[in-house]
Amino acid sequence: MATVDSPQKAAQPVALPGLARALMSVDKLNQKTAEEIYKKSVSGRSSFIAELIGANVITSTDLAHTLSSIFGAPLLDVQALDRERLPHDLLDLKLCQAYRVVVLSKRNNRLIVATADPTNQEAAEKIKFTTQMGVDWIIAEYDKLIQLVDAAAKSSNEALDSIVSSGDFEFGDISVEEATEDNNEAAPNEVEDAPVVRFLHKMLLDAFNMRASDLHFEPYEHSYRVRFRIDGELREIASPPIAIKEKLASRIKVISRLDISEKRVPQDGRMKLKVSPDRVIDFRVSTLPTLFGEKIVIRILDPSSAKLGIDALGYEPEEKERLLQAINRPYGMILVTGPTGSGKTVSLYTCLNLLNKPGVNIATAEDPSEINLPGVNQVNVNEKAGLTFAVALKSFLRQDPDIIMVGEIRDLETADISIKAAQTGHLVLSTLHTNDAPTTLTRMRNMGIAPFNIASSVILITAQRLARRLCPQCKEPADIPHETLVEAGYRDEEIDGSWVTYRPVGCSACNNGYKGRVGIYQVMPISEEIQRIILRDGSALDIAEQARREGVRSLREAGLHKARIGLTSLEEVLAVTNE
């Protein structure tokens, strides 16, 4: 029996891979060599093609040309490719490394993939299963392809490591609060993507330490950039690999309690960062679907900014007096106007902080509430749940408030209820998006509010801008011609040589000559004469002219005054105000 079986076992052929059989068909490889290489690859747990090239049986160039002619597949020199323009999000990097392939492009529902071994059915099936797309092979030389795959993996890891490996950063020192406990399936990925987690924490800490107001995470077709808004100016801080954009977006969404599966519509959320045992910074998160992924903007909300006091905001003595007189009145409406990021919320909360006493009932409705203030009843507007500004206001009036703060007057209903509240013994504070104080009144008129309601309820309007403050250490006197000063808005009698404007220089303590920001304010009380103009439906120009007669500075004039006393530069005033 044994003598019969032994020849049969010896005669059993080895199941060679498709690549070996293809090379044998064109006499590039003989049976014996193929079997030896195959056994070696099995014992060493390596690929057949790696052992074949390593044994110098055939060169990678010759192999690529041979396979191209056998299978009729295009041949590509991968060294001629621009690495930056290769798609990074079509196939997982780990899969590319495992099967030594590079995705070149996508056409309809098929992936164009470069490989050195088109007979590798396992790789094709795995890619099909993962992407739910068909695979079209492009032949590439093995050694060049390996270099490209390794370089892609290395650059991605190195880019992140170089960003997060700063000496002063300790990952364990910070903890993100409000992370969702029910995201159990995300936990393995978060451990896996530790560099992304560390990168996000480092960006948040750096932004806080650099006194930034916003962080912008922006994906583009072939790049990804992170910008901070420091002193009102956007600066590019980092350019991480584009491959992290999905993971970074998911991480931010998880800790902001947003829907990680929803990428088609904008979302808003918030998160907290503990920077010390007694210091917690709030962040407001906004996502926006763009052409190449989700742009995420994170706004830093420092609660301590509302407690700085009214003197820190930069009001001139007469402007400060007008504002304090208005907020100490028992009823009426005070409006703060200006673009996004002009400090309207901080101004309102500073006023609320002054009014926040044990004997006063204060309620606020915001979208969302940005600064937490103890002693103030704060409500977050939730449009989906039906909690609009109008609904919140109606509820406030049933709770016997003294002071009401409305985040923004957006529609006629909110405006109507706010005015009724101001007319019935409540002090109402709110914001509007207009350019200056006089146009605020015409904007309210255009919303559909009757002139007599505006005239009888609004007691003061403040328009504001934020200009960059000159660095006190390095600023220098600027030699500006007389004609330029006149063109900017200074009167001839003001230019008497007793004062000088300054220009930014730049030193180690500031950003291009500026450090911090200073407020420019137009504080316009509604006098009897302005009320008459409103009642006869006068224009914003009429109101502006009357306000000027009453000693109210325009935004440009307020800015020029700030430049005259050396707080900011003339070019900064011209950049943030209109004339």
Protein backbone atom coordinates (compact mmCIF):
# COMPACT_ATOMS: atom_id res chain seq x y z
CA MET A 1 0.00 0.00 0.00
CA ALA A 2 2.79 2.41 0.95
CA THR A 3 4.67 1.69 -2.24
CA VAL A 4 1.62 2.63 -4.29
CA ASP A 5 0.75 5.88 -2.36
CA SER A 6 4.20 7.43 -2.27
CA PRO A 7 4.56 8.02 -6.02
CA GLN A 8 1.01 9.47 -6.10
CA LYS A 9 1.85 11.98 -3.33
CA ALA A 10 5.08 12.91 -5.01
CA ALA A 11 3.26 13.53 -8.26
CA GLN A 12 0.76 15.99 -6.72
CA PRO A 13 1.45 19.45 -8.23
CA VAL A 14 1.80 22.59 -6.07
CA ALA A 15 -1.15 25.06 -6.40
CA LEU A 16 0.82 27.97 -7.80
CA PRO A 17 -0.59 31.54 -7.68
CA GLY A 18 -1.99 33.17 -10.80
CA LEU A 19 1.11 35.36 -11.25
CA ALA A 20 3.40 32.31 -11.45
CA ARG A 21 1.14 30.57 -13.97
CA ALA A 22 0.98 33.73 -16.12
CA LEU A 23 4.79 34.03 -16.20
CA MET A 24 5.16 30.32 -16.96
CA SER A 25 2.79 30.68 -19.93
CA VAL A 26 5.21 33.10 -21.63
CA ASP A 27 8.35 31.19 -20.54
CA LYS A 28 9.50 33.85 -18.10
CA LEU A 29 9.51 31.31 -15.27
CA ASN A 30 9.95 27.56 -15.05
CA GLN A 31 7.96 25.15 -12.89
CA LYS A 32 10.72 24.27 -10.46
CA THR A 33 11.75 27.89 -9.72
CA ALA A 34 8.13 28.91 -9.35
CA GLU A 35 7.48 26.16 -6.79
CA GLU A 36 10.61 27.03 -4.81
CA ILE A 37 9.69 30.73 -4.65
CA TYR A 38 6.10 29.90 -3.72
CA LYS A 39 7.19 27.61 -0.84
CA LYS A 40 9.57 30.30 0.36
CA SER A 41 6.79 32.93 0.33
CA VAL A 42 4.45 30.61 2.28
CA SER A 43 7.06 29.79 4.91
CA GLY A 44 8.12 33.44 5.24
CA ARG A 45 4.53 34.74 5.14
CA SER A 46 5.35 37.18 2.39
CA SER A 47 3.83 37.78 -1.04
CA PHE A 48 4.88 35.74 -4.06
CA ILE A 49 5.75 38.85 -6.08
CA ALA A 50 8.02 40.16 -3.30
CA GLU A 51 9.96 36.89 -3.19
CA LEU A 52 10.08 36.76 -6.99
CA ILE A 53 11.64 40.24 -7.28
CA GLY A 54 13.86 39.58 -4.25
CA ALA A 55 15.28 36.44 -5.83
CA ASN A 56 16.33 38.42 -8.95
CA VAL A 57 14.52 35.95 -11.19
CA ILE A 58 12.94 38.84 -13.07
CA THR A 59 13.26 42.62 -12.76
CA SER A 60 10.29 44.66 -11.70
CA THR A 61 10.38 46.58 -15.03
CA ASP A 62 10.40 43.37 -17.09
CA LEU A 63 7.63 41.93 -14.89
CA ALA A 64 5.41 45.02 -15.37
CA HIS A 65 5.87 45.00 -19.17
CA THR A 66 5.19 41.25 -19.34
CA LEU A 67 1.99 41.43 -17.25
CA SER A 68 0.80 44.45 -19.25
CA SER A 69 1.09 42.50 -22.54
CA ILE A 70 -0.41 39.26 -21.07
CA PHE A 71 -3.51 40.91 -19.54
CA GLY A 72 -3.84 43.82 -21.96
CA ALA A 73 -3.81 46.29 -19.06
CA PRO A 74 -2.29 49.79 -19.27
CA LEU A 75 1.21 50.31 -17.92
CA LEU A 76 1.92 53.32 -15.70
CA ASP A 77 5.09 54.89 -14.33
CA VAL A 78 3.94 55.87 -10.81
CA GLN A 79 6.96 58.12 -10.33
CA ALA A 80 5.39 60.51 -12.84
CA LEU A 81 2.34 60.96 -10.59
CA ASP A 82 1.76 64.03 -8.40
CA ARG A 83 1.32 62.52 -4.93
CA GLU A 84 -0.64 65.52 -3.68
CA ARG A 85 -3.32 65.03 -6.31
CA LEU A 86 -3.99 61.38 -5.58
CA PRO A 87 -7.37 60.76 -3.92
CA HIS A 88 -6.95 59.91 -0.24
CA ASP A 89 -10.49 59.12 0.81
CA LEU A 90 -11.56 56.43 -1.67
CA LEU A 91 -9.78 53.51 0.01
CA ASP A 92 -8.49 53.01 3.54
CA LEU A 93 -4.73 53.53 3.87
CA LYS A 94 -4.32 50.25 5.80
CA LEU A 95 -5.89 48.32 2.92
CA CYS A 96 -3.54 50.01 0.43
CA GLN A 97 -0.58 49.00 2.58
CA ALA A 98 -1.77 45.41 3.05
CA TYR A 99 -2.27 44.71 -0.67
CA ARG A 100 0.34 47.15 -2.04
CA VAL A 101 -2.05 49.12 -4.23
CA VAL A 102 -2.67 52.81 -4.93
CA VAL A 103 -6.04 54.26 -5.95
CA LEU A 104 -5.58 56.59 -8.92
CA SER A 105 -9.11 57.82 -9.57
CA LYS A 106 -12.81 56.97 -9.63
CA ARG A 107 -14.89 56.66 -12.79
CA ASN A 108 -18.65 56.19 -12.37
CA ASN A 109 -18.90 53.22 -10.01
CA ARG A 110 -15.41 51.83 -10.62
CA LEU A 111 -12.02 52.47 -9.02
CA ILE A 112 -8.87 52.79 -11.12
CA VAL A 113 -6.20 51.05 -9.00
CA ALA A 114 -2.44 50.67 -9.62
CA THR A 115 -1.01 47.24 -8.77
CA ALA A 116 2.03 45.16 -9.58
CA ASP A 117 0.03 41.89 -9.46
CA PRO A 118 -3.29 41.99 -11.37
CA THR A 119 -3.86 38.25 -10.62
CA ASN A 120 -4.42 38.98 -6.90
CA GLN A 121 -8.11 38.09 -6.67
CA GLU A 122 -8.15 38.47 -2.87
CA ALA A 123 -7.18 42.14 -3.15
CA ALA A 124 -9.81 42.76 -5.84
CA GLU A 125 -12.59 41.13 -3.80
CA LYS A 126 -11.59 42.95 -0.62
CA ILE A 127 -11.61 46.35 -2.39
CA LYS A 128 -14.99 45.55 -3.99
CA PHE A 129 -16.45 44.54 -0.62
CA THR A 130 -15.09 47.60 1.20
CA THR A 131 -15.97 50.26 -1.37
CA GLN A 132 -18.97 48.61 -3.10
CA MET A 133 -17.31 49.54 -6.38
CA GLY A 134 -15.73 47.60 -9.23
CA VAL A 135 -11.94 47.52 -9.76
CA ASP A 136 -9.98 48.30 -12.95
CA TRP A 137 -6.28 47.38 -12.68
CA ILE A 138 -3.42 49.54 -13.94
CA ILE A 139 -0.01 47.81 -14.01
CA ALA A 140 2.88 49.49 -12.18
CA GLU A 141 6.48 48.47 -11.43
CA TYR A 142 6.63 46.72 -8.05
CA ASP A 143 9.57 48.59 -6.49
CA LYS A 144 8.24 52.04 -7.50
CA LEU A 145 4.75 51.15 -6.27
CA ILE A 146 6.10 50.04 -2.88
CA GLN A 147 7.92 53.36 -2.51
CA LEU A 148 4.72 55.28 -3.27
CA VAL A 149 2.59 53.26 -0.80
CA ASP A 150 5.19 53.55 2.00
CA ALA A 151 5.70 57.27 1.35
CA ALA A 152 1.95 57.94 1.57
CA ALA A 153 1.68 56.12 4.89
CA LYS A 154 4.82 57.75 6.27
CA SER A 155 3.89 61.33 5.27
CA SER A 156 0.44 60.98 6.83
CA ASN A 157 1.82 59.74 10.14
CA GLU A 158 4.77 62.14 10.20
CA ALA A 159 2.62 65.17 9.42
CA LEU A 160 0.37 64.48 12.36
CA ASP A 161 3.23 63.49 14.67
CA SER A 162 5.15 66.67 13.88
CA ILE A 163 2.08 68.75 14.70
CA VAL A 164 1.18 67.05 17.97
CA SER A 165 4.65 66.33 19.34
CA SER A 166 5.41 69.70 20.89
CA GLY A 167 7.23 69.65 24.18
CA ASP A 168 4.78 71.77 26.17
CA PHE A 169 1.76 69.65 25.35
CA GLU A 170 0.50 67.07 27.78
CA PHE A 171 -2.45 65.07 26.59
CA GLY A 172 -3.38 63.86 30.06
CA ASP A 173 -3.71 67.37 31.48
CA ILE A 174 -6.92 68.15 29.68
CA SER A 175 -10.30 66.53 29.52
CA VAL A 176 -13.13 67.26 27.19
CA GLU A 177 -16.42 67.40 29.00
CA GLU A 178 -19.80 66.56 27.58
CA ALA A 179 -18.50 63.71 25.47
CA THR A 180 -21.32 61.35 24.71
CA GLU A 181 -21.38 58.27 26.86
CA ASP A 182 -23.62 56.39 24.44
CA ASN A 183 -21.19 56.40 21.50
CA ASN A 184 -19.78 52.98 22.34
CA GLU A 185 -19.17 51.99 18.76
CA ALA A 186 -16.96 55.06 18.27
CA ALA A 187 -14.65 54.09 21.12
CA PRO A 188 -12.38 51.65 19.18
CA ASN A 189 -11.96 54.18 16.39
CA GLU A 190 -11.02 56.92 18.86
CA VAL A 191 -8.28 54.77 20.34
CA GLU A 192 -7.14 53.90 16.83
CA ASP A 193 -7.14 57.54 15.78
CA ALA A 194 -5.21 58.82 18.82
CA PRO A 195 -3.11 61.23 16.68
CA VAL A 196 -6.32 62.92 15.48
CA VAL A 197 -7.55 63.27 19.07
CA ARG A 198 -4.22 64.74 20.18
CA PHE A 199 -4.17 67.06 17.17
CA LEU A 200 -7.60 68.46 17.99
CA HIS A 201 -6.71 69.03 21.63
CA LYS A 202 -3.48 70.74 20.68
CA MET A 203 -5.29 73.06 18.23
CA LEU A 204 -7.86 74.02 20.90
CA LEU A 205 -5.15 74.71 23.50
CA ASP A 206 -2.98 76.64 21.04
CA ALA A 207 -5.95 78.76 19.99
CA PHE A 208 -6.74 79.58 23.61
CA ASN A 209 -3.12 80.43 24.42
CA MET A 210 -2.80 82.62 21.30
CA ARG A 211 -5.97 84.52 22.30
CA ALA A 212 -7.78 83.43 19.14
CA SER A 213 -11.51 84.01 18.80
CA ASP A 214 -12.24 81.32 16.18
CA LEU A 215 -10.72 78.16 14.72
CA HIS A 216 -11.42 77.29 11.08
CA PHE A 217 -10.95 73.69 9.83
CA GLU A 218 -11.18 73.92 6.03
CA PRO A 219 -11.02 71.00 3.54
CA TYR A 220 -10.12 71.64 -0.09
CA GLU A 221 -9.63 69.35 -3.08
CA HIS A 222 -5.94 68.62 -2.52
CA SER A 223 -5.22 70.22 0.85
CA TYR A 224 -6.52 70.81 4.35
CA ARG A 225 -5.79 73.85 6.44
CA VAL A 226 -6.42 75.13 9.96
CA ARG A 227 -6.70 78.88 10.54
CA PHE A 228 -7.06 80.90 13.74
CA ARG A 229 -8.68 84.33 13.92
CA ILE A 230 -6.29 86.31 16.13
CA ASP A 231 -7.19 89.95 16.81
CA GLY A 232 -9.73 89.83 14.01
CA GLU A 233 -7.23 88.55 11.42
CA LEU A 234 -7.20 85.01 10.04
CA ARG A 235 -3.80 83.27 10.17
CA GLU A 236 -2.92 79.84 8.79
CA ILE A 237 -1.57 77.69 11.62
CA ALA A 238 -1.34 74.12 10.34
CA SER A 239 -1.77 72.10 7.18
CA PRO A 240 -2.46 68.50 8.30
CA PRO A 241 -2.85 65.62 5.79
CA ILE A 242 -6.15 65.69 3.93
CA ALA A 243 -6.77 62.05 4.92
CA ILE A 244 -7.74 63.13 8.47
CA LYS A 245 -10.64 65.38 7.49
CA GLU A 246 -13.35 62.73 8.06
CA LYS A 247 -11.86 61.47 11.34
CA LEU A 248 -11.37 65.02 12.65
CA ALA A 249 -14.94 65.99 11.75
CA SER A 250 -16.28 62.86 13.46
CA ARG A 251 -14.26 63.54 16.62
CA ILE A 252 -15.49 67.13 16.85
CA LYS A 253 -19.08 65.99 16.27
CA VAL A 254 -18.89 63.31 18.98
CA ILE A 255 -17.73 65.70 21.71
CA SER A 256 -20.17 68.40 20.53
CA ARG A 257 -23.16 66.03 20.67
CA LEU A 258 -23.83 66.31 16.94
CA ASP A 259 -25.04 63.64 14.53
CA ILE A 260 -21.88 62.05 13.10
CA SER A 261 -23.81 60.36 10.28
CA GLU A 262 -25.29 63.62 8.96
CA LYS A 263 -22.94 65.33 6.51
CA ARG A 264 -25.44 66.97 4.16
CA VAL A 265 -26.81 69.80 6.32
CA PRO A 266 -25.18 72.35 8.68
CA GLN A 267 -25.17 71.55 12.40
CA ASP A 268 -24.56 73.57 15.56
CA GLY A 269 -23.27 72.32 18.89
CA ARG A 270 -21.03 73.15 21.83
CA MET A 271 -18.24 71.60 23.86
CA LYS A 272 -16.03 72.38 26.85
CA LEU A 273 -12.31 72.21 27.46
CA LYS A 274 -10.88 72.08 30.94
CA VAL A 275 -7.59 73.99 30.84
CA SER A 276 -7.00 74.03 34.61
CA PRO A 277 -8.78 72.75 37.73
CA ASP A 278 -10.76 75.98 38.02
CA ARG A 279 -10.88 77.15 34.38
CA VAL A 280 -13.27 75.77 31.76
CA ILE A 281 -13.53 77.23 28.27
CA ASP A 282 -16.70 76.87 26.21
CA PHE A 283 -16.63 76.37 22.47
CA ARG A 284 -19.44 76.88 19.97
CA VAL A 285 -19.20 74.50 17.01
CA SER A 286 -20.67 75.08 13.56
CA THR A 287 -20.37 72.61 10.65
CA LEU A 288 -20.96 73.49 7.01
CA PRO A 289 -21.01 70.99 4.09
CA THR A 290 -18.68 72.28 1.38
CA LEU A 291 -17.62 70.89 -1.99
CA PHE A 292 -14.79 68.77 -0.56
CA GLY A 293 -16.00 67.94 2.95
CA GLU A 294 -17.28 69.68 6.05
CA LYS A 295 -15.86 73.03 7.07
CA ILE A 296 -15.93 73.36 10.85
CA VAL A 297 -15.69 76.64 12.72
CA ILE A 298 -15.16 76.57 16.48
CA ARG A 299 -15.73 79.84 18.35
CA ILE A 300 -14.04 80.28 21.72
CA LEU A 301 -16.39 81.63 24.38
CA ASP A 302 -14.50 82.83 27.42
CA PRO A 303 -16.99 83.51 30.25
CA SER A 304 -14.51 85.80 31.99
CA SER A 305 -14.81 88.35 29.13
CA ALA A 306 -18.25 89.45 30.41
CA LYS A 307 -16.82 90.22 33.83
CA LEU A 308 -14.07 92.56 32.65
CA GLY A 309 -16.28 95.57 33.26
CA ILE A 310 -17.48 98.38 31.04
CA ASP A 311 -14.15 100.26 31.20
CA ALA A 312 -12.33 97.36 29.51
CA LEU A 313 -14.59 97.58 26.44
CA GLY A 314 -13.17 100.94 25.32
CA TYR A 315 -16.14 103.31 25.69
CA GLU A 316 -15.27 107.01 25.79
CA PRO A 317 -16.48 108.84 28.97
CA GLU A 318 -19.51 110.49 27.29
CA GLU A 319 -20.46 107.21 25.51
CA LYS A 320 -20.16 105.29 28.75
CA GLU A 321 -22.36 107.81 30.55
CA ARG A 322 -25.07 107.56 27.86
CA LEU A 323 -25.05 103.75 28.06
CA LEU A 324 -25.18 103.62 31.88
CA GLN A 325 -28.06 106.12 31.92
CA ALA A 326 -30.00 103.94 29.46
CA ILE A 327 -29.48 100.59 31.22
CA ASN A 328 -30.46 102.09 34.56
CA ARG A 329 -33.84 103.21 33.22
CA PRO A 330 -36.77 101.08 34.39
CA TYR A 331 -38.15 100.23 30.94
CA GLY A 332 -37.47 100.67 27.24
CA MET A 333 -35.45 98.93 24.52
CA ILE A 334 -31.68 99.07 24.05
CA LEU A 335 -30.31 97.77 20.74
CA VAL A 336 -26.72 96.76 19.95
CA THR A 337 -25.86 96.44 16.25
CA GLY A 338 -22.86 95.30 14.28
CA PRO A 339 -21.58 92.41 12.14
CA THR A 340 -20.75 88.91 13.38
CA GLY A 341 -17.75 88.93 15.70
CA SER A 342 -17.97 92.63 16.60
CA GLY A 343 -18.43 91.96 20.33
CA LYS A 344 -22.20 92.54 20.60
CA THR A 345 -22.71 89.62 22.99
CA VAL A 346 -19.87 90.72 25.26
CA SER A 347 -21.29 94.27 25.41
CA LEU A 348 -24.77 92.96 26.30
CA TYR A 349 -23.44 90.61 28.95
CA THR A 350 -21.31 93.36 30.44
CA CYS A 351 -24.50 95.42 30.83
CA LEU A 352 -26.35 92.42 32.28
CA ASN A 353 -23.50 91.85 34.73
CA LEU A 354 -23.90 95.44 35.96
CA LEU A 355 -27.67 94.94 36.36
CA ASN A 356 -27.40 91.45 37.88
CA LYS A 357 -28.45 92.05 41.51
CA PRO A 358 -30.41 89.88 43.96
CA GLY A 359 -33.53 92.04 43.61
CA VAL A 360 -33.70 91.82 39.81
CA ASN A 361 -35.21 89.05 37.65
CA ILE A 362 -33.26 88.70 34.38
CA ALA A 363 -34.17 86.29 31.57
CA THR A 364 -32.31 85.78 28.27
CA ALA A 365 -33.20 83.92 25.06
CA GLU A 366 -30.29 83.15 22.75
CA ASP A 367 -29.37 80.91 19.83
CA PRO A 368 -27.33 79.47 21.50
CA SER A 369 -26.43 80.89 24.91
CA GLU A 370 -22.75 81.83 24.57
CA ILE A 371 -21.68 83.01 28.05
CA ASN A 372 -22.91 81.47 31.29
CA LEU A 373 -23.75 84.10 33.87
CA PRO A 374 -24.88 83.00 37.38
CA GLY A 375 -28.03 84.77 38.51
CA VAL A 376 -29.40 85.08 34.96
CA ASN A 377 -32.09 82.71 33.63
CA GLN A 378 -30.74 81.70 30.23
CA VAL A 379 -32.79 79.87 27.59
CA ASN A 380 -31.44 78.25 24.43
CA VAL A 381 -33.70 78.69 21.42
CA ASN A 382 -34.56 75.37 19.74
CA GLU A 383 -36.31 75.84 16.41
CA LYS A 384 -36.86 72.09 15.84
CA ALA A 385 -38.59 71.68 19.16
CA GLY A 386 -40.72 74.78 18.53
CA LEU A 387 -38.92 76.98 21.08
CA THR A 388 -38.46 80.13 19.01
CA PHE A 389 -37.51 83.61 20.20
CA ALA A 390 -41.18 84.59 20.10
CA VAL A 391 -42.27 81.56 22.17
CA ALA A 392 -39.49 82.16 24.74
CA LEU A 393 -40.45 85.85 25.01
CA LYS A 394 -44.12 85.03 25.61
CA SER A 395 -43.09 82.64 28.36
CA PHE A 396 -40.77 85.25 29.92
CA LEU A 397 -43.61 87.75 30.23
CA ARG A 398 -45.56 85.24 32.33
CA GLN A 399 -42.64 84.94 34.77
CA ASP A 400 -42.55 88.55 35.97
CA PRO A 401 -39.15 89.58 34.56
CA ASP A 402 -37.53 92.96 35.12
CA ILE A 403 -34.94 92.70 32.35
CA ILE A 404 -35.19 90.65 29.16
CA MET A 405 -32.35 89.97 26.76
CA VAL A 406 -33.19 88.67 23.26
CA GLY A 407 -30.24 87.25 21.33
CA GLU A 408 -31.33 88.65 17.98
CA ILE A 409 -34.45 90.26 16.53
CA ARG A 410 -34.88 88.35 13.26
CA ASP A 411 -38.57 88.63 12.42
CA LEU A 412 -41.63 90.77 12.94
CA GLU A 413 -43.16 88.54 15.63
CA THR A 414 -40.03 88.67 17.84
CA ALA A 415 -39.74 92.43 17.29
CA ASP A 416 -43.41 92.95 18.09
CA ILE A 417 -43.29 91.06 21.39
CA SER A 418 -40.00 92.77 22.37
CA ILE A 419 -41.53 96.21 21.76
CA LYS A 420 -44.66 95.34 23.70
CA ALA A 421 -42.47 94.18 26.60
CA ALA A 422 -40.50 97.46 26.46
CA GLN A 423 -43.77 99.40 26.46
CA THR A 424 -45.16 97.55 29.49
CA GLY A 425 -42.50 98.24 32.08
CA HIS A 426 -39.64 95.92 31.07
CA LEU A 427 -36.08 96.75 30.08
CA VAL A 428 -35.36 94.86 26.83
CA LEU A 429 -31.83 94.39 25.45
CA SER A 430 -31.30 92.91 21.99
CA THR A 431 -29.12 92.85 18.87
CA LEU A 432 -29.72 93.59 15.22
CA HIS A 433 -27.51 93.15 12.17
CA THR A 434 -27.20 96.64 10.68
CA ASN A 435 -24.28 98.85 9.69
CA ASP A 436 -24.79 101.76 12.10
CA ALA A 437 -27.23 103.19 14.63
CA PRO A 438 -29.44 105.37 12.33
CA THR A 439 -30.03 102.56 9.80
CA THR A 440 -31.24 100.32 12.65
CA LEU A 441 -34.41 102.38 12.94
CA THR A 442 -35.15 102.17 9.20
CA ARG A 443 -34.44 98.41 9.30
CA MET A 444 -37.08 98.01 12.04
CA ARG A 445 -39.48 100.10 9.97
CA ASN A 446 -38.85 97.82 6.98
CA MET A 447 -39.55 94.75 9.13
CA GLY A 448 -43.10 96.05 9.49
CA ILE A 449 -42.98 97.78 12.89
CA ALA A 450 -45.10 100.90 13.13
CA PRO A 451 -43.12 104.16 13.60
CA PHE A 452 -45.01 105.13 16.78
CA ASN A 453 -44.01 101.77 18.36
CA ILE A 454 -40.35 102.35 17.52
CA ALA A 455 -40.41 105.92 18.82
CA SER A 456 -42.10 104.99 22.09
CA SER A 457 -39.99 101.94 22.94
CA VAL A 458 -36.37 102.35 21.70
CA ILE A 459 -34.29 104.47 24.11
CA LEU A 460 -30.72 103.86 22.87
CA ILE A 461 -28.88 102.25 19.97
CA THR A 462 -25.21 101.31 20.04
CA ALA A 463 -23.36 100.39 16.85
CA GLN A 464 -19.93 98.87 17.29
CA ARG A 465 -16.85 97.53 15.54
CA LEU A 466 -13.68 95.95 16.78
CA ALA A 467 -10.36 97.36 15.57
CA ARG A 468 -6.94 95.92 16.28
CA ARG A 469 -5.14 97.67 19.12
CA LEU A 470 -1.60 98.93 18.47
CA CYS A 471 1.13 97.22 20.47
CA PRO A 472 2.26 99.75 23.11
CA GLN A 473 5.83 98.42 23.03
CA CYS A 474 6.69 98.80 19.37
CA LYS A 475 4.29 101.36 17.83
CA GLU A 476 5.93 104.30 16.08
CA PRO A 477 4.68 107.76 15.03
CA ALA A 478 3.35 107.71 11.46
CA ASP A 479 4.16 110.46 9.01
CA ILE A 480 0.76 110.89 7.31
CA PRO A 481 0.21 113.80 4.87
CA HIS A 482 -2.33 116.52 5.76
CA GLU A 483 -4.47 115.69 2.69
CA THR A 484 -4.77 112.03 3.74
CA LEU A 485 -5.92 112.99 7.24
CA VAL A 486 -8.57 115.32 5.77
CA GLU A 487 -9.72 112.60 3.36
CA ALA A 488 -10.01 110.17 6.29
CA GLY A 489 -12.43 112.53 8.03
CA TYR A 490 -10.40 114.87 10.27
CA ARG A 491 -11.40 118.55 10.19
CA ASP A 492 -8.77 121.15 9.32
CA GLU A 493 -8.98 122.77 12.75
CA GLU A 494 -8.32 119.38 14.40
CA ILE A 495 -5.01 118.90 12.56
CA ASP A 496 -3.06 121.42 14.64
CA GLY A 497 0.11 119.43 15.23
CA SER A 498 -0.62 118.79 18.91
CA TRP A 499 -1.12 115.06 18.32
CA VAL A 500 0.28 112.34 16.10
CA THR A 501 -1.05 109.07 14.70
CA TYR A 502 0.91 105.85 15.12
CA ARG A 503 1.69 102.92 12.85
CA PRO A 504 2.29 99.20 13.59
CA VAL A 505 5.86 97.88 13.60
CA GLY A 506 5.89 94.35 15.02
CA CYS A 507 7.85 92.76 17.86
CA SER A 508 8.02 89.47 19.79
CA ALA A 509 5.16 90.51 22.08
CA CYS A 510 2.55 91.18 19.35
CA ASN A 511 1.09 90.10 15.99
CA ASN A 512 2.39 92.32 13.18
CA GLY A 513 2.31 95.38 15.40
CA TYR A 514 -1.10 94.75 16.96
CA LYS A 515 -2.03 93.18 20.27
CA GLY A 516 -5.65 92.78 21.33
CA ARG A 517 -8.61 94.77 20.07
CA VAL A 518 -10.36 97.98 20.95
CA GLY A 519 -14.04 98.79 20.50
CA ILE A 520 -15.28 101.62 18.27
CA TYR A 521 -18.75 102.74 19.34
CA GLN A 522 -21.55 104.93 18.09
CA VAL A 523 -23.85 105.42 21.09
CA MET A 524 -27.06 107.17 19.98
CA PRO A 525 -29.76 107.98 22.56
CA ILE A 526 -33.22 108.46 21.06
CA SER A 527 -33.98 112.07 21.82
CA GLU A 528 -37.37 113.80 21.36
CA GLU A 529 -36.24 115.28 18.05
CA ILE A 530 -35.17 111.87 16.72
CA GLN A 531 -38.56 110.50 17.89
CA ARG A 532 -40.27 113.17 15.79
CA ILE A 533 -38.19 112.18 12.74
CA ILE A 534 -39.19 108.52 13.29
CA LEU A 535 -42.89 109.46 13.65
CA ARG A 536 -42.88 111.36 10.36
CA ASP A 537 -41.11 108.33 8.78
CA GLY A 538 -37.86 110.17 8.18
CA SER A 539 -34.85 108.54 6.51
CA ALA A 540 -31.66 107.22 8.12
CA LEU A 541 -29.83 110.29 6.74
CA ASP A 542 -32.21 112.61 8.63
CA ILE A 543 -31.66 110.63 11.84
CA ALA A 544 -27.87 110.63 11.33
CA GLU A 545 -27.83 114.40 10.77
CA GLN A 546 -29.87 115.02 13.92
CA ALA A 547 -27.66 112.66 15.95
CA ARG A 548 -24.58 114.59 14.74
CA ARG A 549 -26.16 117.85 15.93
CA GLU A 550 -26.70 116.26 19.34
CA GLY A 551 -23.02 115.38 19.65
CA VAL A 552 -23.18 111.70 18.69
CA ARG A 553 -20.03 110.55 16.91
CA SER A 554 -20.40 108.37 13.82
CA LEU A 555 -18.44 105.12 13.71
CA ARG A 556 -15.81 106.75 11.49
CA GLU A 557 -15.47 109.74 13.87
CA ALA A 558 -15.24 107.43 16.89
CA GLY A 559 -12.53 105.44 15.10
CA LEU A 560 -10.60 108.60 14.16
CA HIS A 561 -10.68 109.63 17.81
CA LYS A 562 -9.17 106.24 18.78
CA ALA A 563 -6.42 106.78 16.17
CA ARG A 564 -5.82 110.31 17.44
CA ILE A 565 -5.17 109.11 21.02
CA GLY A 566 -2.85 106.35 19.73
CA LEU A 567 -4.95 103.24 20.49
CA THR A 568 -5.13 102.07 16.89
CA SER A 569 -3.76 103.03 13.47
CA LEU A 570 -5.47 105.13 10.82
CA GLU A 571 -5.43 102.30 8.25
CA GLU A 572 -7.19 100.00 10.77
CA VAL A 573 -9.93 102.62 11.32
CA LEU A 574 -10.40 102.99 7.56
CA ALA A 575 -10.60 99.20 7.22
CA VAL A 576 -13.40 98.69 9.78
CA THR A 577 -15.54 101.82 9.28
CA ASN A 578 -17.38 103.38 6.37
CA GLU A 579 -17.81 107.00 5.50
